[in-house]
Amino acid sequence: MRYLTLTIVLVLVLISGVGNSEEVKPKQSEILHPEWYLKVIDFSYYFPARVAIFTNFKIENTAAIPYKEIKVKALYISYYPGSVGQIVSSTSGVLPITVPPNSTDTYLKGGIPLGAGSQSYRVNYVEVLGATPVLD
C-alpha cells in the first residue's frame, strides 16, 4: 500500500509538471532572423539642412526575446517635379535601443540623424534589416 501511494504521488507530480525547472528557450528563428519579428509600424522625421532627423520610431516586437542595436533601412521617394514617386535614395543605420519581448513602443523621441535628405524627398518606408538578440 505504501508503494502504491508513493507511485501515485510521483505520477501526479510528473504529470502536473511540478518540479520542471526547464527554461523556455528562444526559437532558433528568433535568434537568426530578428527581422521576422521586429516591425517599424510608425515613424516621423524632418529635414533640417539636408540631414534626415527621425524624431521617433514605433517598433513592434513579436518575439519572445529582446533585441538591441536595431538595424534599419529608410527608402526615400522624390516629390521633385519630373520624378515624383520614384525611389531616389536609401540609407541604413543602427538604432541604439533595446526592444523588450512581445512589445510595442515608441523610441528615440529626442531624434536621431539617419542619412542625407532634401525638402523634396519623403521617407516612403522604413524596414528592419536585423538586430542583436539579447540572450542573457
Foldseek 3Di string as FASTA:
>chain_A
DVVVVVVVVVVVCVVVCPVVPDDDDWDPCCQVPVLVFKWFPDWDWDADPFWIKIQKTKMFGAGQFKWFFWKKKWWKAFQPPPGHPHTDDMWIGTDGDIGGHGDIDMDNNVIDTTHTHDPGIDTDDMGTPDTHTDDD
